Protein backbone atom coordinates (compact mmCIF):
# COMPACT_ATOMS: atom_id res chain seq x y z
CA MET A 1 -0.39 -124.52 104.09
CA GLY A 2 -0.48 -125.06 100.25
CA VAL A 3 0.25 -121.36 99.73
CA VAL A 4 3.24 -121.46 101.89
CA VAL A 5 4.70 -124.57 100.23
CA GLY A 6 3.98 -123.00 96.67
CA LEU A 7 5.57 -119.84 97.73
CA GLY A 8 8.72 -121.62 98.91
CA VAL A 9 8.83 -123.69 95.72
CA GLY A 10 8.52 -120.62 93.73
CA ILE A 11 11.29 -118.69 95.57
CA GLY A 12 13.56 -121.68 95.20
CA LEU A 13 13.00 -122.15 91.44
CA LEU A 14 13.57 -118.27 91.14
CA LEU A 15 17.01 -118.48 92.96
CA ILE A 16 18.11 -121.42 91.05
CA GLY A 17 17.05 -119.73 87.78
CA SER A 18 18.94 -116.47 88.74
CA ALA A 19 22.00 -118.55 89.35
CA PHE A 20 22.23 -119.53 85.77
CA LEU A 21 20.81 -116.44 84.22
CA THR A 22 22.85 -113.82 85.95
CA PRO A 23 26.17 -113.14 84.28
CA ARG A 24 29.12 -114.14 86.26
CA ALA A 25 31.47 -111.60 87.56
CA THR A 26 35.00 -111.84 86.21
CA ILE A 27 37.86 -110.89 88.14
CA ALA A 28 40.30 -108.85 85.85
CA ALA A 29 43.82 -110.16 86.15
CA PRO A 30 46.23 -107.65 87.05
CA ARG A 31 47.85 -105.91 84.00
CA ARG A 32 51.58 -106.58 83.68
CA PRO A 33 53.47 -103.30 82.88
CA GLY A 34 54.99 -103.19 79.23
CA ALA A 35 58.79 -103.74 78.77
CA LEU A 36 59.32 -99.82 78.45
CA ARG A 37 57.49 -99.26 81.75
CA ARG A 38 59.55 -102.00 83.51
CA ILE A 39 62.86 -100.42 82.16
CA LEU A 40 61.86 -97.02 83.43
CA ASP A 41 60.94 -98.52 86.89
CA ALA A 42 64.12 -100.39 87.03
CA ALA A 43 65.93 -97.03 86.30
CA GLY A 44 64.23 -95.35 89.18
CA LEU A 45 62.11 -93.18 86.84
CA GLN A 46 58.69 -94.18 88.26
CA ARG A 47 57.51 -90.55 87.62
CA VAL A 48 58.46 -90.49 83.90
CA GLY A 49 55.84 -91.81 81.49
CA THR A 50 56.42 -94.01 78.69
CA VAL A 51 54.73 -91.38 76.23
CA SER A 52 57.12 -88.93 77.51
CA LEU A 53 60.09 -91.10 76.75
CA VAL A 54 58.86 -91.96 73.31
CA ALA A 55 58.31 -88.20 72.60
CA LEU A 56 61.77 -87.37 73.70
CA ALA A 57 63.24 -90.03 71.42
CA ALA A 58 61.24 -88.82 68.48
CA GLY A 59 62.34 -85.13 69.05
CA CYS A 60 66.04 -86.32 69.31
CA GLY A 61 65.62 -88.39 66.09
CA LEU A 62 63.94 -85.33 64.22
CA ALA A 63 66.61 -82.90 65.49
CA ALA A 64 69.42 -85.02 64.59
CA THR A 65 67.81 -85.62 61.02
CA LEU A 66 67.55 -81.92 60.44
CA VAL A 67 70.95 -80.92 61.45
CA VAL A 68 72.74 -83.66 59.30
CA GLN A 69 70.52 -82.97 56.63
CA VAL A 70 71.70 -79.16 56.58
CA VAL A 71 75.35 -80.24 56.95
CA SER A 72 75.49 -83.06 54.52
CA ARG A 73 72.55 -82.25 52.17
CA THR A 74 72.05 -86.17 51.84
CA LEU A 75 68.61 -87.47 53.14
CA PRO A 76 69.63 -91.28 53.59
CA VAL A 77 72.56 -90.23 55.75
CA ALA A 78 70.50 -87.92 57.83
CA LEU A 79 67.83 -90.46 58.36
CA ALA A 80 70.40 -92.92 59.30
CA PHE A 81 71.78 -90.54 62.10
CA GLY A 82 68.13 -89.75 63.07
CA VAL A 83 67.38 -93.18 63.98
CA ILE A 84 70.70 -93.39 65.93
CA ALA A 85 69.69 -90.33 67.78
CA ALA A 86 66.21 -91.72 68.42
CA TYR A 87 67.62 -94.69 70.07
CA LEU A 88 69.87 -92.93 72.44
CA PRO A 89 67.21 -92.04 75.05
CA PHE A 90 66.29 -95.72 75.24
CA ALA A 91 70.08 -96.67 75.46
CA VAL A 92 70.50 -93.99 78.41
CA VAL A 93 67.54 -95.24 80.31
CA ALA A 94 68.71 -98.87 80.00
CA GLY A 95 72.13 -98.05 81.07
CA ARG A 96 70.74 -96.16 84.16
CA ALA A 97 68.79 -99.31 84.98
CA ARG A 98 71.75 -101.55 84.91
CA ARG A 99 73.89 -99.17 86.94
CA ARG A 100 71.21 -98.71 89.57
CA ARG A 101 70.66 -102.64 89.65
CA ARG A 102 74.35 -102.93 90.53
CA GLU A 103 74.29 -100.28 93.13
CA LEU A 104 71.15 -101.84 94.76
CA ALA A 105 72.97 -105.24 94.79
CA GLU A 106 75.98 -103.83 96.61
CA VAL A 107 74.02 -102.07 99.47
CA TRP A 108 71.40 -104.76 100.21
CA PRO A 109 73.79 -106.60 102.34
CA GLU A 110 74.23 -103.51 104.47
CA ALA A 111 70.54 -102.83 104.64
CA VAL A 112 69.89 -106.43 105.93
CA ASP A 113 72.73 -106.16 108.50
CA ASN A 114 70.87 -102.78 109.66
CA LEU A 115 67.65 -104.74 109.84
CA SER A 116 69.20 -107.68 111.67
CA SER A 117 70.66 -105.12 114.16
CA ALA A 118 67.29 -103.36 114.71
CA VAL A 119 65.50 -106.65 115.27
CA ARG A 120 68.01 -107.75 117.91
CA ALA A 121 67.67 -104.38 119.67
CA GLY A 122 63.91 -105.18 120.12
CA LEU A 123 62.21 -103.27 117.31
CA SER A 124 59.44 -104.82 115.37
CA LEU A 125 59.88 -105.57 111.60
CA PRO A 126 57.86 -102.56 110.45
CA ASP A 127 59.78 -100.16 112.64
CA ALA A 128 63.15 -101.64 111.56
CA LEU A 129 62.17 -101.20 107.93
CA ALA A 130 61.01 -97.74 108.57
CA GLY A 131 64.34 -96.97 110.38
CA LEU A 132 66.21 -97.71 106.96
CA ALA A 133 64.84 -94.31 105.85
CA ASP A 134 67.47 -92.63 108.30
CA ARG A 135 70.07 -95.19 108.93
CA GLY A 136 70.06 -97.27 105.70
CA PRO A 137 72.20 -96.79 102.61
CA ALA A 138 71.52 -93.58 100.82
CA VAL A 139 70.19 -95.17 97.62
CA LEU A 140 67.47 -96.82 99.75
CA ARG A 141 66.42 -94.06 102.06
CA GLU A 142 63.71 -92.62 99.81
CA PRO A 143 61.66 -95.78 99.13
CA PHE A 144 61.84 -96.75 102.84
CA ALA A 145 60.76 -93.25 103.83
CA GLU A 146 57.73 -93.69 101.54
CA PHE A 147 57.14 -97.10 103.09
CA ALA A 148 57.42 -95.68 106.61
CA ALA A 149 54.60 -92.93 105.68
CA ASP A 150 52.44 -95.61 103.96
CA TYR A 151 52.70 -97.95 107.04
CA GLN A 152 51.88 -94.90 109.37
CA LEU A 153 48.80 -93.92 107.43
CA THR A 154 47.33 -97.43 106.79
CA GLY A 155 48.98 -99.89 109.26
CA ARG A 156 48.76 -102.68 106.50
CA PHE A 157 52.07 -104.27 106.28
CA ALA A 158 51.55 -106.58 103.33
CA GLU A 159 50.13 -103.82 101.12
CA CYS A 160 53.02 -101.58 102.07
CA LEU A 161 55.61 -104.16 101.15
CA ASP A 162 53.74 -104.53 97.76
CA ARG A 163 54.07 -100.82 97.24
CA LEU A 164 57.88 -100.96 98.33
CA LYS A 165 58.50 -103.58 95.72
CA ASP A 166 57.03 -101.37 92.96
CA ARG A 167 59.13 -98.55 94.07
CA LEU A 168 62.32 -100.39 94.03
CA ALA A 169 61.66 -102.56 91.02
CA ASP A 170 64.69 -104.55 91.81
CA PRO A 171 64.91 -108.39 91.66
CA VAL A 172 67.27 -108.67 94.66
CA GLY A 173 64.88 -106.28 96.52
CA ASP A 174 62.04 -108.69 95.79
CA ARG A 175 63.77 -111.57 97.28
CA VAL A 176 64.51 -109.52 100.73
CA ILE A 177 61.01 -108.30 100.87
CA GLU A 178 59.47 -111.68 100.15
CA SER A 179 61.73 -113.37 102.71
CA LEU A 180 60.71 -110.56 105.30
CA ARG A 181 56.85 -111.15 104.44
CA LEU A 182 57.31 -114.82 104.86
CA ALA A 183 59.11 -114.45 108.33
CA ARG A 184 56.39 -111.98 109.41
CA GLU A 185 53.42 -114.43 108.50
CA VAL A 186 55.20 -117.54 109.92
CA GLY A 187 56.52 -115.91 113.09
CA GLY A 188 58.83 -117.37 115.39
CA GLY A 189 62.38 -116.48 116.68
CA ASP A 190 64.29 -117.23 113.56
CA LEU A 191 64.01 -113.72 112.04
CA GLY A 192 67.45 -112.83 113.18
CA ARG A 193 69.07 -116.04 111.91
CA LEU A 194 67.10 -115.53 108.61
CA LEU A 195 68.50 -112.03 108.14
CA ARG A 196 72.20 -113.04 108.97
CA THR A 197 71.93 -115.83 106.33
CA LEU A 198 70.25 -113.73 103.80
CA SER A 199 73.06 -110.90 104.25
CA ALA A 200 75.89 -113.46 103.75
CA TYR A 201 74.29 -114.94 100.73
CA LEU A 202 73.62 -111.46 99.15
CA ARG A 203 77.17 -110.25 99.93
CA GLU A 204 78.68 -113.43 98.34
CA ASP A 205 76.45 -113.14 95.23
CA ALA A 206 77.29 -109.54 94.81
CA ARG A 207 81.16 -110.11 95.07
CA THR A 208 81.00 -112.91 92.52
CA ARG A 209 78.84 -110.86 90.05
CA SER A 210 81.12 -107.89 90.39
CA GLU A 211 84.25 -110.03 89.52
CA LEU A 212 82.46 -111.57 86.51
CA GLU A 213 81.31 -107.98 85.17
CA SER A 214 84.64 -106.64 85.68
CA ARG A 215 86.08 -109.40 83.39
CA GLN A 216 83.35 -108.92 80.92
CA ALA A 217 83.83 -105.17 80.68
CA TRP A 218 86.47 -105.30 78.04
CA ALA A 219 84.30 -107.38 75.73
CA VAL A 220 81.31 -104.79 76.10
CA ALA A 221 83.64 -101.92 75.53
CA GLY A 222 85.18 -103.47 72.36
CA ALA A 223 81.68 -104.23 71.00
CA ARG A 224 80.58 -100.52 71.52
CA LEU A 225 83.73 -99.17 69.96
CA ALA A 226 83.57 -101.45 66.87
CA VAL A 227 79.95 -100.46 66.34
CA ALA A 228 80.50 -96.68 66.83
CA ALA A 229 83.62 -96.48 64.66
CA PRO A 230 82.11 -96.59 61.22
CA TRP A 231 79.22 -94.21 62.04
CA ALA A 232 81.89 -91.71 63.57
CA VAL A 233 83.66 -91.89 60.27
CA LEU A 234 80.46 -91.25 58.37
CA LEU A 235 79.70 -88.22 60.60
CA LEU A 236 83.04 -86.68 59.63
CA LEU A 237 82.41 -87.32 55.87
CA SER A 238 79.11 -85.37 56.44
CA PHE A 239 81.07 -82.19 56.38
CA GLN A 240 82.05 -82.91 52.81
CA PRO A 241 78.82 -82.95 50.95
CA ASP A 242 80.53 -83.85 47.64
CA VAL A 243 81.79 -87.26 49.17
CA VAL A 244 78.74 -87.97 51.29
CA GLY A 245 76.42 -87.32 48.46
CA ARG A 246 77.26 -90.67 46.97
CA TYR A 247 75.06 -92.33 49.60
CA ALA A 248 71.99 -90.58 48.06
CA SER A 249 71.93 -93.08 45.21
CA PRO A 250 70.18 -96.40 45.47
CA ALA A 251 73.46 -98.26 45.98
CA GLY A 252 74.39 -95.85 48.73
CA VAL A 253 71.12 -96.57 50.48
CA VAL A 254 71.69 -100.12 50.29
CA VAL A 255 75.15 -99.98 51.77
CA LEU A 256 73.74 -97.78 54.68
CA LEU A 257 70.97 -100.33 55.35
CA GLY A 258 73.46 -103.31 55.04
CA GLY A 259 76.07 -101.65 57.37
CA GLY A 260 73.34 -100.60 59.92
CA ALA A 261 71.90 -104.28 59.96
CA ALA A 262 75.52 -105.73 60.16
CA CYS A 263 76.18 -103.41 63.14
CA VAL A 264 73.09 -104.10 65.09
CA LEU A 265 73.48 -107.98 64.44
CA ALA A 266 77.15 -108.18 65.36
CA TYR A 267 76.56 -105.89 68.46
CA ARG A 268 73.87 -108.04 69.78
CA LEU A 269 75.62 -111.22 69.04
CA MET A 270 78.69 -109.83 70.90
CA LEU A 271 76.61 -108.97 73.84
CA ARG A 272 74.87 -112.32 73.98
CA VAL A 273 78.11 -114.42 73.76
CA GLY A 274 79.59 -112.27 76.73
CA ARG A 275 76.31 -111.72 78.67
CA LEU A 276 75.92 -112.76 82.25
CA PRO A 277 72.60 -114.19 83.42
CA THR A 278 70.41 -111.48 84.53
CA GLU A 279 67.90 -111.69 87.34
CA ARG A 280 64.27 -111.32 86.74
CA ARG A 281 61.55 -110.19 88.93
CA VAL A 282 59.74 -113.34 89.20
CA LEU A 283 58.07 -112.38 92.38
CA ALA A 284 56.60 -109.00 91.26
């Protein structure tokens, strides 16, 4: 009997000691994508890597520097246009992301109406979502076709919704998907009413934002024209090496740096003054 008690006490002490001596397993927090990765996803360029974009920007900058150097034979001017050319790929991707966000905001009400009709017809929510691959707006068909394939393979609705959110990378899409997830988990017969309310809200929000953006367009166009004008003049002067060669002096370098800083600061201030509040992916 004493042997059994001693063995039990020993095992208990061993278990207690192992609880303190064994290192605790830490759960790694999901790593948030960087700003450049988020912009690429928002532009619909999930298959483009950030390294590829940076390499493209570096190549554009180097090519522009070499061309302007051959034409003007003035290194500071060539470097200035090299920096501008290196920025262009990032500007193109950011512009594509803004256009795609506007396109998605315009078609989401139609997609939600389609879901509402499918649910009223008796389809389940996963089948209604998969049906958008054929009947939904063109810009949404590919992501929902991939959702349909994922759900057919796994049958895990929540995980398929998470992957759909990553493919869309759209704040409005996040709200729609989370509303559908909540309706699916809570259940009940209010899904049709929720979809109709959501469609009306999205349509009104898109109409209001479209009106504000149309009024803001002149300010953005004016800011871009004001920034581009002096550099367009400098590019024309580059074909006259005797004139543009003055920028090779220390004073000319200071003028270029000051002009570049002034253009960047003025452009950012102009956009900030006329900028509309942009939605963020708080549910991602």
